[in-house]
Amino acid sequence: MSSLSSREGLTRVAIDTLEDGSCVEVEARVDGEAESVVLHRDGDAVRAWLNLCPHAGRRLDWAPGRFLRSKAGDLVCAAHGASFSLADGQCIAGPCRGESLRAVEVSVVDGEIVLGDPAADAAAPVRTAD
């Protein structure tokens, strides 16, 4: 994504680069580690989770950044078919029913999706990703 920028521990994505209702994958630092994160845009709201199914610890996408959706619009794990509500990350069907995706701190500030804690990283220099 060309509109992705990062600071140490903080990732920013322009919200208008995400189609409403879409799920996309970004790389971000979570608890100091580089992680694959799923972003879901629902109007002006954005939710984020680690791209990791709680059932077997595998990525949710069937190819990098490519996600399956059920007819009802839920996120579906490509490995074993678990379905997750995009409202809260809760597994509603499949082998990990009742478990949840691990949420990642996310906010929308001045038209940008911000992953991480903006206050903790305010003094860090900005690096733009390719």
Protein backbone atom coordinates (compact mmCIF):
# COMPACT_ATOMS: atom_id res chain seq x y z
CA MET A 1 0.00 0.00 0.00
CA SER A 2 1.69 3.22 -1.11
CA SER A 3 -0.10 5.33 1.52
CA LEU A 4 1.40 3.35 4.42
CA SER A 5 3.82 5.14 6.72
CA SER A 6 5.30 4.08 10.01
CA ARG A 7 7.05 5.26 13.11
CA GLU A 8 8.66 2.97 15.64
CA GLY A 9 5.64 1.05 16.97
CA LEU A 10 3.09 3.13 15.01
CA THR A 11 1.58 2.48 11.57
CA ARG A 12 -0.62 4.88 9.60
CA VAL A 13 -2.80 4.16 6.56
CA ALA A 14 -4.93 6.75 4.75
CA ILE A 15 -8.54 5.67 5.37
CA ASP A 16 -9.63 6.60 1.84
CA THR A 17 -7.33 3.90 0.42
CA LEU A 18 -9.56 1.23 1.99
CA GLU A 19 -12.86 0.48 0.28
CA ASP A 20 -15.78 0.61 2.69
CA GLY A 21 -16.54 -2.93 3.88
CA SER A 22 -13.16 -4.28 2.84
CA CYS A 23 -10.61 -6.34 4.72
CA VAL A 24 -6.95 -5.65 3.99
CA GLU A 25 -3.64 -6.79 5.42
CA VAL A 26 -0.92 -4.46 6.66
CA GLU A 27 2.35 -5.10 8.43
CA ALA A 28 2.57 -3.30 11.79
CA ARG A 29 4.49 -3.46 15.04
CA VAL A 30 2.36 -4.97 17.81
CA ASP A 31 3.91 -5.24 21.27
CA GLY A 32 7.28 -4.53 19.67
CA GLU A 33 7.02 -7.32 17.08
CA ALA A 34 6.37 -7.08 13.32
CA GLU A 35 2.96 -8.66 12.74
CA SER A 36 0.47 -9.17 9.94
CA VAL A 37 -2.73 -7.27 10.82
CA VAL A 38 -6.20 -7.43 9.28
CA LEU A 39 -7.94 -4.05 8.93
CA HIS A 40 -11.69 -3.88 8.36
CA ARG A 41 -13.33 -0.60 7.37
CA ASP A 42 -17.02 -0.08 8.15
CA GLY A 43 -17.83 3.50 7.14
CA ASP A 44 -15.77 5.78 9.38
CA ALA A 45 -15.04 2.95 11.84
CA VAL A 46 -12.02 0.67 11.50
CA ARG A 47 -11.30 -2.52 13.41
CA ALA A 48 -8.00 -4.41 13.50
CA TRP A 49 -6.92 -7.91 14.52
CA LEU A 50 -3.81 -10.02 14.23
CA ASN A 51 -3.96 -12.04 11.01
CA LEU A 52 -3.93 -15.23 13.04
CA CYS A 53 -6.67 -17.81 13.58
CA PRO A 54 -6.98 -18.86 17.25
CA HIS A 55 -7.74 -22.45 16.17
CA ALA A 56 -4.39 -23.50 14.75
CA GLY A 57 -2.30 -20.33 14.74
CA ARG A 58 -2.35 -19.99 10.95
CA ARG A 59 -2.89 -16.83 8.93
CA LEU A 60 -6.49 -16.09 7.98
CA ASP A 61 -5.78 -15.03 4.38
CA TRP A 62 -5.71 -17.61 1.55
CA ALA A 63 -2.94 -15.62 -0.20
CA PRO A 64 -1.09 -12.61 1.21
CA GLY A 65 -3.71 -9.92 1.80
CA ARG A 66 -6.54 -11.91 0.16
CA PHE A 67 -9.39 -12.82 2.51
CA LEU A 68 -12.43 -15.06 2.18
CA ARG A 69 -15.85 -13.78 3.23
CA SER A 70 -19.00 -15.78 3.92
CA LYS A 71 -22.32 -15.01 2.20
CA ALA A 72 -23.25 -13.16 5.40
CA GLY A 73 -20.08 -11.07 5.11
CA ASP A 74 -18.10 -12.67 7.94
CA LEU A 75 -14.33 -13.17 7.72
CA VAL A 76 -13.48 -16.83 7.02
CA CYS A 77 -10.19 -18.52 7.89
CA ALA A 78 -8.80 -20.06 4.71
CA ALA A 79 -7.19 -22.98 6.56
CA HIS A 80 -10.12 -24.55 8.44
CA GLY A 81 -13.18 -22.43 7.64
CA ALA A 82 -13.74 -20.74 10.99
CA SER A 83 -16.01 -17.69 10.57
CA PHE A 84 -15.42 -14.46 12.49
CA SER A 85 -17.82 -11.57 13.05
CA LEU A 86 -16.36 -8.33 11.71
CA ALA A 87 -18.20 -6.45 14.45
CA ASP A 88 -16.04 -7.89 17.24
CA GLY A 89 -13.71 -10.64 15.93
CA GLN A 90 -15.70 -13.37 17.70
CA CYS A 91 -15.62 -16.82 16.08
CA ILE A 92 -19.25 -17.63 15.29
CA ALA A 93 -18.75 -20.92 13.41
CA GLY A 94 -16.06 -23.52 12.96
CA PRO A 95 -13.43 -25.25 15.08
CA CYS A 96 -12.74 -22.31 17.42
CA ARG A 97 -16.34 -21.21 17.99
CA GLY A 98 -16.54 -18.93 21.03
CA GLU A 99 -12.92 -17.77 20.78
CA SER A 100 -11.92 -14.40 19.31
CA LEU A 101 -9.34 -12.88 17.05
CA ARG A 102 -6.74 -10.85 18.96
CA ALA A 103 -7.69 -7.17 18.65
CA VAL A 104 -5.06 -4.58 17.78
CA GLU A 105 -5.33 -0.99 19.02
CA VAL A 106 -6.60 1.17 16.16
CA SER A 107 -8.04 4.67 15.76
CA VAL A 108 -8.86 7.07 12.94
CA VAL A 109 -7.14 10.47 13.28
CA ASP A 110 -7.34 13.20 10.64
CA GLY A 111 -8.27 10.76 7.87
CA GLU A 112 -5.60 8.22 8.80
CA ILE A 113 -5.98 4.80 10.35
CA VAL A 114 -3.47 4.66 13.19
CA LEU A 115 -2.31 1.32 14.60
CA GLY A 116 -0.55 1.58 17.94
CA ASP A 117 -0.50 4.34 20.54
CA PRO A 118 -0.02 7.77 18.88
CA ALA A 119 0.87 9.47 22.19
CA ALA A 120 3.71 7.03 22.87
CA ASP A 121 5.24 7.61 19.44
CA ALA A 122 4.70 11.36 18.93
CA ALA A 123 8.42 12.17 19.01
CA ALA A 124 9.57 9.34 16.73
CA PRO A 125 10.72 10.21 13.18
CA VAL A 126 8.43 9.13 10.33
CA ARG A 127 9.64 6.51 7.82
CA THR A 128 7.59 6.03 4.66
CA ALA A 129 7.22 2.46 3.39
CA ASP A 130 7.69 1.62 -0.29
